[in-house]
Amino acid sequence: MALFAVIKTGGKQYVVRPGQRLKVEKLDVGENAAISFDVLLVADEKGVAVGAPLVKGAVVTGKALGQGRDKKKIIFRYHAKTRYRKMKGHRQPFTEVQITDIKK
């Protein structure tokens, strides 16, 4: 079993491995800034450590690669037989992060 962890950020949980790149909810950090995440679970060859709710002493660090905005999502509301139509768009901001290290 390879080393991996489950982290929590932005109200979501992500399964991460060292070297992995992922997009998370926007974080107020600059480019190339170091980030540490809350660790809910860590697993490696020796076993699995599950937190209640966080694993004590476990640290997942990452590096912010940049900020961006996702593709546009269309929100369309429609009521039949009443001539009600409303269209709106939304682009969610994100931070791209590269996981650098997982310490158990």
PDB file of N, CA and C in Angstrom:
ATOM      1  N   MET A   1       0.842  -1.165   0.000  1.00  0.00           N
ATOM      2  CA  MET A   1       0.000   0.000   0.000  1.00  0.00           C
ATOM      3  C   MET A   1       0.897   1.241   0.000  1.00  0.00           C
ATOM      4  N   ALA A   2       0.629   2.153  -0.902  1.00  0.00           N
ATOM      5  CA  ALA A   2       1.421   3.375  -1.002  1.00  0.00           C
ATOM      6  C   ALA A   2       0.959   4.390   0.039  1.00  0.00           C
ATOM      7  N   LEU A   3       1.820   5.344   0.320  1.00  0.00           N
ATOM      8  CA  LEU A   3       1.519   6.395   1.286  1.00  0.00           C
ATOM      9  C   LEU A   3       0.450   7.338   0.725  1.00  0.00           C
ATOM     10  N   PHE A   4      -0.620   7.557   1.492  1.00  0.00           N
ATOM     11  CA  PHE A   4      -1.624   8.539   1.120  1.00  0.00           C
ATOM     12  C   PHE A   4      -2.276   9.088   2.376  1.00  0.00           C
ATOM     13  N   ALA A   5      -3.013  10.196   2.205  1.00  0.00           N
ATOM     14  CA  ALA A   5      -3.685  10.827   3.333  1.00  0.00           C
ATOM     15  C   ALA A   5      -5.013  11.393   2.859  1.00  0.00           C
ATOM     16  N   VAL A   6      -5.905  11.613   3.813  1.00  0.00           N
ATOM     17  CA  VAL A   6      -7.166  12.297   3.545  1.00  0.00           C
ATOM     18  C   VAL A   6      -7.096  13.631   4.278  1.00  0.00           C
ATOM     19  N   ILE A   7      -7.248  14.727   3.523  1.00  0.00           N
ATOM     20  CA  ILE A   7      -7.173  16.059   4.113  1.00  0.00           C
ATOM     21  C   ILE A   7      -8.519  16.755   3.991  1.00  0.00           C
ATOM     22  N   LYS A   8      -8.696  17.799   4.796  1.00  0.00           N
ATOM     23  CA  LYS A   8      -9.930  18.571   4.755  1.00  0.00           C
ATOM     24  C   LYS A   8      -9.577  20.034   4.523  1.00  0.00           C
ATOM     25  N   THR A   9     -10.189  20.633   3.497  1.00  0.00           N
ATOM     26  CA  THR A   9     -10.022  22.055   3.227  1.00  0.00           C
ATOM     27  C   THR A   9     -11.227  22.555   2.436  1.00  0.00           C
ATOM     28  N   GLY A  10     -11.682  23.729   2.769  1.00  0.00           N
ATOM     29  CA  GLY A  10     -12.803  24.321   2.045  1.00  0.00           C
ATOM     30  C   GLY A  10     -14.099  23.552   2.182  1.00  0.00           C
ATOM     31  N   GLY A  11     -14.279  22.823   3.298  1.00  0.00           N
ATOM     32  CA  GLY A  11     -15.502  22.062   3.495  1.00  0.00           C
ATOM     33  C   GLY A  11     -15.562  20.768   2.708  1.00  0.00           C
ATOM     34  N   LYS A  12     -14.453  20.383   2.075  1.00  0.00           N
ATOM     35  CA  LYS A  12     -14.407  19.151   1.285  1.00  0.00           C
ATOM     36  C   LYS A  12     -13.242  18.294   1.758  1.00  0.00           C
ATOM     37  N   GLN A  13     -13.306  17.006   1.437  1.00  0.00           N
ATOM     38  CA  GLN A  13     -12.232  16.082   1.784  1.00  0.00           C
ATOM     39  C   GLN A  13     -11.586  15.571   0.504  1.00  0.00           C
ATOM     40  N   TYR A  14     -10.258  15.420   0.525  1.00  0.00           N
ATOM     41  CA  TYR A  14      -9.501  14.983  -0.637  1.00  0.00           C
ATOM     42  C   TYR A  14      -8.539  13.870  -0.237  1.00  0.00           C
ATOM     43  N   VAL A  15      -8.421  12.842  -1.087  1.00  0.00           N
ATOM     44  CA  VAL A  15      -7.403  11.806  -0.916  1.00  0.00           C
ATOM     45  C   VAL A  15      -6.189  12.279  -1.697  1.00  0.00           C
ATOM     46  N   VAL A  16      -5.037  12.412  -1.006  1.00  0.00           N
ATOM     47  CA  VAL A  16      -3.844  12.975  -1.652  1.00  0.00           C
ATOM     48  C   VAL A  16      -2.643  12.058  -1.476  1.00  0.00           C
ATOM     49  N   ARG A  17      -1.721  12.164  -2.425  1.00  0.00           N
ATOM     50  CA  ARG A  17      -0.452  11.454  -2.400  1.00  0.00           C
ATOM     51  C   ARG A  17       0.661  12.474  -2.656  1.00  0.00           C
ATOM     52  N   PRO A  18       1.893  12.207  -2.238  1.00  0.00           N
ATOM     53  CA  PRO A  18       2.989  13.150  -2.509  1.00  0.00           C
ATOM     54  C   PRO A  18       3.180  13.355  -4.015  1.00  0.00           C
ATOM     55  N   GLY A  19       3.374  14.607  -4.409  1.00  0.00           N
ATOM     56  CA  GLY A  19       3.574  14.934  -5.812  1.00  0.00           C
ATOM     57  C   GLY A  19       2.294  15.209  -6.580  1.00  0.00           C
ATOM     58  N   GLN A  20       1.144  14.960  -5.983  1.00  0.00           N
ATOM     59  CA  GLN A  20      -0.138  15.138  -6.656  1.00  0.00           C
ATOM     60  C   GLN A  20      -0.497  16.620  -6.752  1.00  0.00           C
ATOM     61  N   ARG A  21      -1.148  17.001  -7.871  1.00  0.00           N
ATOM     62  CA  ARG A  21      -1.654  18.358  -8.046  1.00  0.00           C
ATOM     63  C   ARG A  21      -3.173  18.304  -7.975  1.00  0.00           C
ATOM     64  N   LEU A  22      -3.771  19.270  -7.272  1.00  0.00           N
ATOM     65  CA  LEU A  22      -5.219  19.307  -7.196  1.00  0.00           C
ATOM     66  C   LEU A  22      -5.706  20.734  -7.052  1.00  0.00           C
ATOM     67  N   LYS A  23      -6.984  20.939  -7.390  1.00  0.00           N
ATOM     68  CA  LYS A  23      -7.624  22.237  -7.266  1.00  0.00           C
ATOM     69  C   LYS A  23      -8.522  22.202  -6.045  1.00  0.00           C
ATOM     70  N   VAL A  24      -8.299  23.142  -5.123  1.00  0.00           N
ATOM     71  CA  VAL A  24      -9.098  23.228  -3.904  1.00  0.00           C
ATOM     72  C   VAL A  24      -9.803  24.585  -3.879  1.00  0.00           C
ATOM     73  N   GLU A  25     -10.773  24.726  -2.971  1.00  0.00           N
ATOM     74  CA  GLU A  25     -11.441  26.013  -2.812  1.00  0.00           C
ATOM     75  C   GLU A  25     -10.402  27.093  -2.573  1.00  0.00           C
ATOM     76  N   LYS A  26     -10.691  28.304  -3.020  1.00  0.00           N
ATOM     77  CA  LYS A  26      -9.707  29.386  -2.980  1.00  0.00           C
ATOM     78  C   LYS A  26      -9.153  29.618  -1.577  1.00  0.00           C
ATOM     79  N   LEU A  27      -7.812  29.668  -1.495  1.00  0.00           N
ATOM     80  CA  LEU A  27      -7.098  29.973  -0.265  1.00  0.00           C
ATOM     81  C   LEU A  27      -6.407  31.323  -0.444  1.00  0.00           C
ATOM     82  N   ASP A  28      -6.386  32.143   0.594  1.00  0.00           N
ATOM     83  CA  ASP A  28      -5.747  33.455   0.509  1.00  0.00           C
ATOM     84  C   ASP A  28      -4.243  33.334   0.758  1.00  0.00           C
ATOM     85  N   VAL A  29      -3.533  32.797  -0.236  1.00  0.00           N
ATOM     86  CA  VAL A  29      -2.080  32.655  -0.172  1.00  0.00           C
ATOM     87  C   VAL A  29      -1.494  33.100  -1.510  1.00  0.00           C
ATOM     88  N   GLY A  30      -0.236  33.471  -1.475  1.00  0.00           N
ATOM     89  CA  GLY A  30       0.447  33.865  -2.700  1.00  0.00           C
ATOM     90  C   GLY A  30       0.988  32.656  -3.444  1.00  0.00           C
ATOM     91  N   GLU A  31       1.505  32.920  -4.635  1.00  0.00           N
ATOM     92  CA  GLU A  31       2.092  31.853  -5.436  1.00  0.00           C
ATOM     93  C   GLU A  31       3.377  31.357  -4.776  1.00  0.00           C
ATOM     94  N   ASN A  32       3.620  30.055  -4.811  1.00  0.00           N
ATOM     95  CA  ASN A  32       4.763  29.366  -4.197  1.00  0.00           C
ATOM     96  C   ASN A  32       4.760  29.422  -2.672  1.00  0.00           C
ATOM     97  N   ALA A  33       3.632  29.741  -2.065  1.00  0.00           N
ATOM     98  CA  ALA A  33       3.525  29.768  -0.602  1.00  0.00           C
ATOM     99  C   ALA A  33       3.330  28.351  -0.076  1.00  0.00           C
ATOM    100  N   ALA A  34       3.871  28.085   1.102  1.00  0.00           N
ATOM    101  CA  ALA A  34       3.706  26.771   1.737  1.00  0.00           C
ATOM    102  C   ALA A  34       2.359  26.736   2.459  1.00  0.00           C
ATOM    103  N   ILE A  35       1.681  25.594   2.358  1.00  0.00           N
ATOM    104  CA  ILE A  35       0.370  25.418   2.967  1.00  0.00           C
ATOM    105  C   ILE A  35       0.384  24.115   3.748  1.00  0.00           C
ATOM    106  N   SER A  36      -0.236  24.106   4.931  1.00  0.00           N
ATOM    107  CA  SER A  36      -0.409  22.853   5.662  1.00  0.00           C
ATOM    108  C   SER A  36      -1.901  22.604   5.824  1.00  0.00           C
ATOM    109  N   PHE A  37      -2.295  21.338   5.800  1.00  0.00           N
ATOM    110  CA  PHE A  37      -3.703  20.948   5.806  1.00  0.00           C
ATOM    111  C   PHE A  37      -4.042  20.119   7.040  1.00  0.00           C
ATOM    112  N   ASP A  38      -5.329  20.129   7.420  1.00  0.00           N
ATOM    113  CA  ASP A  38      -5.841  19.256   8.476  1.00  0.00           C
ATOM    114  C   ASP A  38      -5.866  17.827   7.947  1.00  0.00           C
ATOM    115  N   VAL A  39      -5.346  16.879   8.735  1.00  0.00           N
ATOM    116  CA  VAL A  39      -5.235  15.484   8.300  1.00  0.00           C
ATOM    117  C   VAL A  39      -6.270  14.642   9.047  1.00  0.00           C
ATOM    118  N   LEU A  40      -7.128  13.970   8.274  1.00  0.00           N
ATOM    119  CA  LEU A  40      -8.163  13.120   8.856  1.00  0.00           C
ATOM    120  C   LEU A  40      -7.743  11.652   8.913  1.00  0.00           C
ATOM    121  N   LEU A  41      -6.866  11.233   7.984  1.00  0.00           N
ATOM    122  CA  LEU A  41      -6.435   9.836   7.897  1.00  0.00           C
ATOM    123  C   LEU A  41      -5.087   9.784   7.199  1.00  0.00           C
ATOM    124  N   VAL A  42      -4.205   8.896   7.674  1.00  0.00           N
ATOM    125  CA  VAL A  42      -2.912   8.662   7.032  1.00  0.00           C
ATOM    126  C   VAL A  42      -2.721   7.156   6.926  1.00  0.00           C
ATOM    127  N   ALA A  43      -2.290   6.697   5.746  1.00  0.00           N
ATOM    128  CA  ALA A  43      -2.057   5.270   5.547  1.00  0.00           C
ATOM    129  C   ALA A  43      -0.723   5.063   4.836  1.00  0.00           C
ATOM    130  N   ASP A  44       0.016   4.022   5.267  1.00  0.00           N
ATOM    131  CA  ASP A  44       1.258   3.628   4.612  1.00  0.00           C
ATOM    132  C   ASP A  44       1.410   2.114   4.756  1.00  0.00           C
ATOM    133  N   GLU A  45       2.621   1.607   4.499  1.00  0.00           N
ATOM    134  CA  GLU A  45       2.857   0.162   4.557  1.00  0.00           C
ATOM    135  C   GLU A  45       2.661  -0.400   5.966  1.00  0.00           C
ATOM    136  N   LYS A  46       2.927   0.407   6.986  1.00  0.00           N
ATOM    137  CA  LYS A  46       2.858  -0.057   8.369  1.00  0.00           C
ATOM    138  C   LYS A  46       1.435  -0.129   8.909  1.00  0.00           C
ATOM    139  N   GLY A  47       0.534   0.670   8.349  1.00  0.00           N
ATOM    140  CA  GLY A  47      -0.840   0.643   8.831  1.00  0.00           C
ATOM    141  C   GLY A  47      -1.574   1.937   8.540  1.00  0.00           C
ATOM    142  N   VAL A  48      -2.748   2.046   9.166  1.00  0.00           N
ATOM    143  CA  VAL A  48      -3.619   3.195   8.944  1.00  0.00           C
ATOM    144  C   VAL A  48      -3.837   3.909  10.271  1.00  0.00           C
ATOM    145  N   ALA A  49      -3.726   5.248  10.252  1.00  0.00           N
ATOM    146  CA  ALA A  49      -4.011   6.062  11.429  1.00  0.00           C
ATOM    147  C   ALA A  49      -5.226   6.929  11.120  1.00  0.00           C
ATOM    148  N   VAL A  50      -6.292   6.737  11.892  1.00  0.00           N
ATOM    149  CA  VAL A  50      -7.530   7.486  11.692  1.00  0.00           C
ATOM    150  C   VAL A  50      -7.679   8.462  12.838  1.00  0.00           C
ATOM    151  N   GLY A  51      -7.966   9.705  12.533  1.00  0.00           N
ATOM    152  CA  GLY A  51      -8.112  10.739  13.547  1.00  0.00           C
ATOM    153  C   GLY A  51      -9.511  10.787  14.121  1.00  0.00           C
ATOM    154  N   ALA A  52      -9.619  11.461  15.271  1.00  0.00           N
ATOM    155  CA  ALA A  52     -10.924  11.627  15.892  1.00  0.00           C
ATOM    156  C   ALA A  52     -11.070  13.055  16.380  1.00  0.00           C
ATOM    157  N   PRO A  53     -11.249  14.074  15.585  1.00  0.00           N
ATOM    158  CA  PRO A  53     -11.399  14.058  14.130  1.00  0.00           C
ATOM    159  C   PRO A  53     -10.077  14.186  13.365  1.00  0.00           C
ATOM    160  N   LEU A  54      -8.994  14.682  14.006  1.00  0.00           N
ATOM    161  CA  LEU A  54      -7.725  14.853  13.296  1.00  0.00           C
ATOM    162  C   LEU A  54      -6.669  13.903  13.837  1.00  0.00           C
ATOM    163  N   VAL A  55      -5.715  13.518  12.991  1.00  0.00           N
ATOM    164  CA  VAL A  55      -4.607  12.660  13.395  1.00  0.00           C
ATOM    165  C   VAL A  55      -3.558  13.533  14.074  1.00  0.00           C
ATOM    166  N   LYS A  56      -3.229  13.210  15.327  1.00  0.00           N
ATOM    167  CA  LYS A  56      -2.255  14.009  16.072  1.00  0.00           C
ATOM    168  C   LYS A  56      -0.858  13.785  15.512  1.00  0.00           C
ATOM    169  N   GLY A  57      -0.147  14.885  15.270  1.00  0.00           N
ATOM    170  CA  GLY A  57       1.225  14.815  14.790  1.00  0.00           C
ATOM    171  C   GLY A  57       1.364  14.646  13.293  1.00  0.00           C
ATOM    172  N   ALA A  58       0.290  14.377  12.584  1.00  0.00           N
ATOM    173  CA  ALA A  58       0.359  14.203  11.132  1.00  0.00           C
ATOM    174  C   ALA A  58       0.260  15.556  10.442  1.00  0.00           C
ATOM    175  N   VAL A  59       1.087  15.745   9.423  1.00  0.00           N
ATOM    176  CA  VAL A  59       1.112  17.005   8.682  1.00  0.00           C
ATOM    177  C   VAL A  59       1.193  16.709   7.190  1.00  0.00           C
ATOM    178  N   VAL A  60       0.320  17.353   6.428  1.00  0.00           N
ATOM    179  CA  VAL A  60       0.400  17.312   4.967  1.00  0.00           C
ATOM    180  C   VAL A  60       0.732  18.728   4.522  1.00  0.00           C
ATOM    181  N   THR A  61       1.855  18.861   3.818  1.00  0.00           N
ATOM    182  CA  THR A  61       2.260  20.173   3.335  1.00  0.00           C
ATOM    183  C   THR A  61       2.154  20.221   1.821  1.00  0.00           C
ATOM    184  N   GLY A  62       1.887  21.409   1.331  1.00  0.00           N
ATOM    185  CA  GLY A  62       1.764  21.610  -0.105  1.00  0.00           C
ATOM    186  C   GLY A  62       2.302  22.963  -0.504  1.00  0.00           C
ATOM    187  N   LYS A  63       2.360  23.190  -1.812  1.00  0.00           N
ATOM    188  CA  LYS A  63       2.847  24.448  -2.355  1.00  0.00           C
ATOM    189  C   LYS A  63       1.782  24.992  -3.292  1.00  0.00           C
ATOM    190  N   ALA A  64       1.415  26.265  -3.119  1.00  0.00           N
ATOM    191  CA  ALA A  64       0.421  26.899  -3.985  1.00  0.00           C
ATOM    192  C   ALA A  64       1.055  27.191  -5.340  1.00  0.00           C
ATOM    193  N   LEU A  65       0.448  26.678  -6.398  1.00  0.00           N
ATOM    194  CA  LEU A  65       0.976  26.890  -7.740  1.00  0.00           C
ATOM    195  C   LEU A  65       0.346  28.104  -8.408  1.00  0.00           C
ATOM    196  N   GLY A  66      -0.838  28.498  -7.961  1.00  0.00           N
ATOM    197  CA  GLY A  66      -1.487  29.673  -8.548  1.00  0.00           C
ATOM    198  C   GLY A  66      -2.971  29.688  -8.252  1.00  0.00           C
ATOM    199  N   GLN A  67      -3.581  30.823  -8.589  1.00  0.00           N
ATOM    200  CA  GLN A  67      -5.020  31.004  -8.420  1.00  0.00           C
ATOM    201  C   GLN A  67      -5.679  30.920  -9.792  1.00  0.00           C
ATOM    202  N   GLY A  68      -6.957  30.612  -9.817  1.00  0.00           N
ATOM    203  CA  GLY A  68      -7.683  30.563 -11.082  1.00  0.00           C
ATOM    204  C   GLY A  68      -9.174  30.536 -10.858  1.00  0.00           C
ATOM    205  N   ARG A  69      -9.910  30.477 -11.972  1.00  0.00           N
ATOM    206  CA  ARG A  69     -11.358  30.355 -11.911  1.00  0.00           C
ATOM    207  C   ARG A  69     -11.775  29.211 -12.808  1.00  0.00           C
ATOM    208  N   ASP A  70     -12.720  28.420 -12.323  1.00  0.00           N
ATOM    209  CA  ASP A  70     -13.191  27.232 -13.024  1.00  0.00           C
ATOM    210  C   ASP A  70     -14.017  27.622 -14.254  1.00  0.00           C
ATOM    211  N   LYS A  71     -14.403  26.626 -15.047  1.00  0.00           N
ATOM    212  CA  LYS A  71     -15.273  26.867 -16.186  1.00  0.00           C
ATOM    213  C   LYS A  71     -16.628  27.374 -15.697  1.00  0.00           C
ATOM    214  N   LYS A  72     -17.314  28.109 -16.550  1.00  0.00           N
ATOM    215  CA  LYS A  72     -18.597  28.699 -16.173  1.00  0.00           C
ATOM    216  C   LYS A  72     -19.674  27.624 -16.031  1.00  0.00           C
ATOM    217  N   LYS A  73     -20.378  27.686 -14.913  1.00  0.00           N
ATOM    218  CA  LYS A  73     -21.526  26.820 -14.676  1.00  0.00           C
ATOM    219  C   LYS A  73     -22.776  27.651 -14.952  1.00  0.00           C
ATOM    220  N   ILE A  74     -23.721  27.107 -15.676  1.00  0.00           N
ATOM    221  CA  ILE A  74     -24.948  27.809 -16.018  1.00  0.00           C
ATOM    222  C   ILE A  74     -26.041  27.413 -15.029  1.00  0.00           C
ATOM    223  N   ILE A  75     -26.691  28.434 -14.450  1.00  0.00           N
ATOM    224  CA  ILE A  75     -27.825  28.216 -13.567  1.00  0.00           C
ATOM    225  C   ILE A  75     -29.053  28.720 -14.312  1.00  0.00           C
ATOM    226  N   PHE A  76     -29.999  27.832 -14.612  1.00  0.00           N
ATOM    227  CA  PHE A  76     -31.188  28.202 -15.384  1.00  0.00           C
ATOM    228  C   PHE A  76     -32.421  27.811 -14.605  1.00  0.00           C
ATOM    229  N   ARG A  77     -33.260  28.806 -14.333  1.00  0.00           N
ATOM    230  CA  ARG A  77     -34.511  28.552 -13.623  1.00  0.00           C
ATOM    231  C   ARG A  77     -35.651  28.711 -14.616  1.00  0.00           C
ATOM    232  N   TYR A  78     -36.652  27.831 -14.504  1.00  0.00           N
ATOM    233  CA  TYR A  78     -37.747  27.826 -15.465  1.00  0.00           C
ATOM    234  C   TYR A  78     -39.011  27.366 -14.769  1.00  0.00           C
ATOM    235  N   HIS A  79     -40.074  28.144 -14.927  1.00  0.00           N
ATOM    236  CA  HIS A  79     -41.393  27.737 -14.433  1.00  0.00           C
ATOM    237  C   HIS A  79     -42.290  27.558 -15.646  1.00  0.00           C
ATOM    238  N   ALA A  80     -42.866  26.404 -15.793  1.00  0.00           N
ATOM    239  CA  ALA A  80     -43.713  26.116 -16.940  1.00  0.00           C
ATOM    240  C   ALA A  80     -44.991  26.954 -16.899  1.00  0.00           C
ATOM    241  N   LYS A  81     -45.440  27.383 -18.049  1.00  0.00           N
ATOM    242  CA  LYS A  81     -46.727  28.070 -18.255  1.00  0.00           C
ATOM    243  C   LYS A  81     -46.818  29.447 -17.601  1.00  0.00           C
ATOM    244  N   THR A  82     -45.719  30.028 -17.152  1.00  0.00           N
ATOM    245  CA  THR A  82     -45.782  31.339 -16.507  1.00  0.00           C
ATOM    246  C   THR A  82     -44.822  32.350 -17.132  1.00  0.00           C
ATOM    247  N   ARG A  83     -44.172  31.996 -18.207  1.00  0.00           N
ATOM    248  CA  ARG A  83     -43.193  32.849 -18.887  1.00  0.00           C
ATOM    249  C   ARG A  83     -42.041  33.254 -17.973  1.00  0.00           C
ATOM    250  N   TYR A  84     -41.689  32.384 -17.047  1.00  0.00           N
ATOM    251  CA  TYR A  84     -40.595  32.671 -16.114  1.00  0.00           C
ATOM    252  C   TYR A  84     -39.357  31.923 -16.552  1.00  0.00           C
ATOM    253  N   ARG A  85     -38.334  32.670 -16.928  1.00  0.00           N
ATOM    254  CA  ARG A  85     -37.043  32.087 -17.284  1.00  0.00           C
ATOM    255  C   ARG A  85     -35.965  33.010 -16.732  1.00  0.00           C
ATOM    256  N   LYS A  86     -34.992  32.425 -16.057  1.00  0.00           N
ATOM    257  CA  LYS A  86     -33.898  33.227 -15.522  1.00  0.00           C
ATOM    258  C   LYS A  86     -32.605  32.451 -15.729  1.00  0.00           C
ATOM    259  N   MET A  87     -31.619  33.084 -16.361  1.00  0.00           N
ATOM    260  CA  MET A  87     -30.353  32.415 -16.610  1.00  0.00           C
ATOM    261  C   MET A  87     -29.235  33.219 -15.955  1.00  0.00           C
ATOM    262  N   LYS A  88     -28.334  32.501 -15.299  1.00  0.00           N
ATOM    263  CA  LYS A  88     -27.246  33.120 -14.570  1.00  0.00           C
ATOM    264  C   LYS A  88     -26.020  32.226 -14.720  1.00  0.00           C
ATOM    265  N   GLY A  89     -24.819  32.795 -14.678  1.00  0.00           N
ATOM    266  CA  GLY A  89     -23.587  32.025 -14.753  1.00  0.00           C
ATOM    267  C   GLY A  89     -22.740  32.238 -13.515  1.00  0.00           C
ATOM    268  N   HIS A  90     -21.853  31.273 -13.233  1.00  0.00           N
ATOM    269  CA  HIS A  90     -20.986  31.361 -12.060  1.00  0.00           C
ATOM    270  C   HIS A  90     -19.659  30.691 -12.354  1.00  0.00           C
ATOM    271  N   ARG A  91     -18.566  31.354 -11.993  1.00  0.00           N
ATOM    272  CA  ARG A  91     -17.230  30.761 -12.110  1.00  0.00           C
ATOM    273  C   ARG A  91     -16.618  30.704 -10.724  1.00  0.00           C
ATOM    274  N   GLN A  92     -16.382  29.495 -10.234  1.00  0.00           N
ATOM    275  CA  GLN A  92     -15.868  29.291  -8.882  1.00  0.00           C
ATOM    276  C   GLN A  92     -14.354  29.517  -8.848  1.00  0.00           C
ATOM    277  N   PRO A  93     -13.861  30.373  -7.942  1.00  0.00           N
ATOM    278  CA  PRO A  93     -12.414  30.544  -7.823  1.00  0.00           C
ATOM    279  C   PRO A  93     -11.771  29.349  -7.122  1.00  0.00           C
ATOM    280  N   PHE A  94     -10.528  29.033  -7.507  1.00  0.00           N
ATOM    281  CA  PHE A  94      -9.819  27.905  -6.900  1.00  0.00           C
ATOM    282  C   PHE A  94      -8.342  28.245  -6.743  1.00  0.00           C
ATOM    283  N   THR A  95      -7.664  27.436  -5.939  1.00  0.00           N
ATOM    284  CA  THR A  95      -6.220  27.501  -5.790  1.00  0.00           C
ATOM    285  C   THR A  95      -5.659  26.156  -6.219  1.00  0.00           C
ATOM    286  N   GLU A  96      -4.685  26.159  -7.114  1.00  0.00           N
ATOM    287  CA  GLU A  96      -4.051  24.904  -7.522  1.00  0.00           C
ATOM    288  C   GLU A  96      -2.891  24.635  -6.564  1.00  0.00           C
ATOM    289  N   VAL A  97      -2.869  23.421  -6.005  1.00  0.00           N
ATOM    290  CA  VAL A  97      -1.904  23.052  -4.981  1.00  0.00           C
ATOM    291  C   VAL A  97      -1.170  21.784  -5.403  1.00  0.00           C
ATOM    292  N   GLN A  98       0.129  21.737  -5.129  1.00  0.00           N
ATOM    293  CA  GLN A  98       0.898  20.519  -5.309  1.00  0.00           C
ATOM    294  C   GLN A  98       1.288  20.015  -3.918  1.00  0.00           C
ATOM    295  N   ILE A  99       0.958  18.744  -3.636  1.00  0.00           N
ATOM    296  CA  ILE A  99       1.287  18.138  -2.345  1.00  0.00           C
ATOM    297  C   ILE A  99       2.772  17.797  -2.359  1.00  0.00           C
ATOM    298  N   THR A 100       3.504  18.328  -1.381  1.00  0.00           N
ATOM    299  CA  THR A 100       4.947  18.103  -1.338  1.00  0.00           C
ATOM    300  C   THR A 100       5.349  16.997  -0.378  1.00  0.00           C
ATOM    301  N   ASP A 101       4.666  16.886   0.785  1.00  0.00           N
ATOM    302  CA  ASP A 101       5.112  15.921   1.776  1.00  0.00           C
ATOM    303  C   ASP A 101       3.950  15.500   2.681  1.00  0.00           C
ATOM    304  N   ILE A 102       4.002  14.241   3.112  1.00  0.00           N
ATOM    305  CA  ILE A 102       3.050  13.703   4.092  1.00  0.00           C
ATOM    306  C   ILE A 102       3.875  13.104   5.228  1.00  0.00           C
ATOM    307  N   LYS A 103       3.706  13.643   6.430  1.00  0.00           N
ATOM    308  CA  LYS A 103       4.419  13.126   7.601  1.00  0.00           C
ATOM    309  C   LYS A 103       3.427  12.520   8.575  1.00  0.00           C
ATOM    310  N   LYS A 104       3.728  11.333   9.030  1.00  0.00           N
ATOM    311  CA  LYS A 104       2.822  10.599   9.916  1.00  0.00           C
ATOM    312  C   LYS A 104       3.069  10.877  11.352  1.00  0.00           C
TER     313      LYS A 104
END
